[in-house]
Amino acid sequence: QVQLVESEGGLVQAGGSLRLSCAASGRTFSTVIMAWFRQAPGKEREFVAALDRLDTSTYYADSVKGRFTISRDNAKTTVYLQMNSLKTEDTAVYYCAADGGGAARGRWTNGGAYNYWGQGTQVTVSS
């Protein structure tokens, strides 16, 4: 099993920045892709960004490309989401996810490809 714990989100003004982290523990060697998804009130969960822990390749949703950056630490067990130029439409609960054995490779945006999920953290962007 893999446990994922997200950092606390927060309230930020539009145009501001916020960094989320996701710490993985347990059988982390079994995971390859780590990702962030988000869900706004009344909307379906959507893909935000993903990172291959082994080769550090990344993939972003068009809505956040150029504003958000996903990265990992050297120990490869913590993934970060740096969010810049935040917009009110970025308001959502953000979830960290991890796959098992590379199942999400090539299926980055598919939530069903991820085996493990964090508890979610609220990010609110005010105008």
Protein backbone atom coordinates (compact mmCIF):
# COMPACT_ATOMS: atom_id res chain seq x y z
CA GLN A 1 0.00 0.00 0.00
CA VAL A 2 0.98 3.59 -0.57
CA GLN A 3 -0.15 6.47 1.57
CA LEU A 4 -0.35 9.99 0.17
CA VAL A 5 -0.55 13.07 2.35
CA GLU A 6 -1.09 16.48 0.79
CA SER A 7 -0.01 19.71 2.38
CA GLU A 8 -2.57 22.22 3.47
CA GLY A 9 -3.96 24.35 0.68
CA GLY A 10 -5.12 27.84 1.31
CA LEU A 11 -6.75 31.06 0.26
CA VAL A 12 -4.90 33.23 -2.22
CA GLN A 13 -5.80 36.22 -4.34
CA ALA A 14 -6.04 35.94 -8.07
CA GLY A 15 -2.63 36.35 -9.63
CA GLY A 16 -0.94 34.92 -6.59
CA SER A 17 1.01 31.72 -6.06
CA LEU A 18 0.72 28.63 -3.91
CA ARG A 19 2.74 25.44 -3.64
CA LEU A 20 1.21 22.10 -2.73
CA SER A 21 3.18 19.05 -1.71
CA CYS A 22 2.30 15.39 -1.60
CA ALA A 23 4.36 13.05 0.53
CA ALA A 24 4.24 9.36 -0.33
CA SER A 25 5.03 6.60 2.12
CA GLY A 26 4.75 2.86 2.20
CA ARG A 27 5.50 0.83 -0.93
CA THR A 28 6.55 3.87 -2.92
CA PHE A 29 8.88 1.79 -5.09
CA SER A 30 5.77 0.37 -6.74
CA THR A 31 4.58 3.72 -8.03
CA VAL A 32 5.82 5.36 -11.21
CA ILE A 33 3.43 8.18 -12.07
CA MET A 34 2.32 10.75 -9.53
CA ALA A 35 -0.28 13.29 -10.43
CA TRP A 36 -2.56 16.05 -9.28
CA PHE A 37 -6.26 16.17 -9.98
CA ARG A 38 -8.81 18.72 -8.83
CA GLN A 39 -12.52 18.92 -8.33
CA ALA A 40 -14.46 22.15 -8.19
CA PRO A 41 -17.94 22.34 -6.64
CA GLY A 42 -20.53 20.88 -8.95
CA LYS A 43 -17.94 19.71 -11.45
CA GLU A 44 -16.28 16.45 -12.25
CA ARG A 45 -12.78 15.68 -11.14
CA GLU A 46 -10.23 16.82 -13.70
CA PHE A 47 -6.60 16.11 -14.40
CA VAL A 48 -4.10 18.85 -13.60
CA ALA A 49 -0.56 17.54 -13.97
CA ALA A 50 1.47 14.34 -13.77
CA LEU A 51 5.09 13.38 -13.38
CA ASP A 52 7.01 10.19 -14.03
CA ARG A 53 9.08 9.67 -10.89
CA LEU A 54 11.73 7.72 -12.76
CA ASP A 55 12.48 9.87 -15.78
CA THR A 56 10.86 13.13 -14.56
CA SER A 57 8.81 13.55 -17.72
CA THR A 58 5.74 15.70 -17.12
CA TYR A 59 2.31 16.26 -18.57
CA TYR A 60 -0.09 19.14 -18.00
CA ALA A 61 -3.70 19.99 -18.64
CA ASP A 62 -4.01 22.81 -21.17
CA SER A 63 -5.77 24.95 -18.57
CA VAL A 64 -2.70 25.09 -16.32
CA LYS A 65 0.14 24.81 -18.83
CA GLY A 66 2.62 27.62 -18.36
CA ARG A 67 1.25 28.48 -14.92
CA PHE A 68 1.65 25.27 -12.89
CA THR A 69 4.79 23.18 -12.47
CA ILE A 70 4.97 19.67 -11.10
CA SER A 71 8.26 18.43 -9.68
CA ARG A 72 9.68 15.93 -7.25
CA ASP A 73 12.33 15.84 -4.57
CA ASN A 74 15.57 13.90 -4.89
CA ALA A 75 14.27 11.09 -2.75
CA LYS A 76 11.43 10.74 -5.28
CA THR A 77 8.86 10.42 -2.55
CA THR A 78 7.46 13.94 -2.49
CA VAL A 79 5.80 15.64 -5.41
CA TYR A 80 5.15 19.36 -5.57
CA LEU A 81 2.69 21.45 -7.51
CA GLN A 82 3.82 25.05 -7.88
CA MET A 83 0.84 27.14 -8.91
CA ASN A 84 1.48 30.63 -10.26
CA SER A 85 -0.80 33.25 -11.78
CA LEU A 86 -3.74 31.66 -10.04
CA LYS A 87 -7.22 32.34 -11.36
CA THR A 88 -10.57 32.10 -9.62
CA GLU A 89 -11.36 29.10 -11.80
CA ASP A 90 -8.48 27.24 -10.16
CA THR A 91 -10.55 27.06 -6.97
CA ALA A 92 -11.05 23.39 -6.17
CA VAL A 93 -10.13 20.53 -3.91
CA TYR A 94 -6.78 19.26 -5.14
CA TYR A 95 -5.96 15.56 -4.89
CA CYS A 96 -2.64 13.82 -5.17
CA ALA A 97 -2.65 10.45 -6.91
CA ALA A 98 -0.16 7.69 -7.59
CA ASP A 99 -0.32 4.69 -9.84
CA GLY A 100 0.94 1.18 -9.37
CA GLY A 101 3.75 -0.11 -11.54
CA GLY A 102 3.42 2.46 -14.29
CA ALA A 103 -0.24 1.79 -15.01
CA ALA A 104 -0.82 5.47 -15.67
CA ARG A 105 1.99 5.78 -18.22
CA GLY A 106 0.35 7.00 -21.40
CA ARG A 107 -2.92 7.35 -19.49
CA TRP A 108 -1.90 10.38 -17.51
CA THR A 109 -5.27 12.05 -17.47
CA ASN A 110 -7.29 8.96 -16.59
CA GLY A 111 -8.14 8.94 -12.92
CA GLY A 112 -8.96 5.24 -13.13
CA ALA A 113 -5.30 4.49 -13.84
CA TYR A 114 -4.26 5.64 -10.39
CA ASN A 115 -4.42 3.28 -7.46
CA TYR A 116 -3.74 5.61 -4.59
CA TRP A 117 -5.26 8.95 -3.61
CA GLY A 118 -4.67 11.55 -0.97
CA GLN A 119 -7.39 13.06 1.16
CA GLY A 120 -7.57 16.28 -0.82
CA THR A 121 -6.74 19.85 0.07
CA GLN A 122 -8.79 22.98 -0.57
CA VAL A 123 -7.40 25.76 -2.72
CA THR A 124 -9.49 28.90 -2.95
CA VAL A 125 -8.58 31.76 -5.25
CA SER A 126 -10.38 35.02 -4.57
CA SER A 127 -10.93 37.81 -7.07
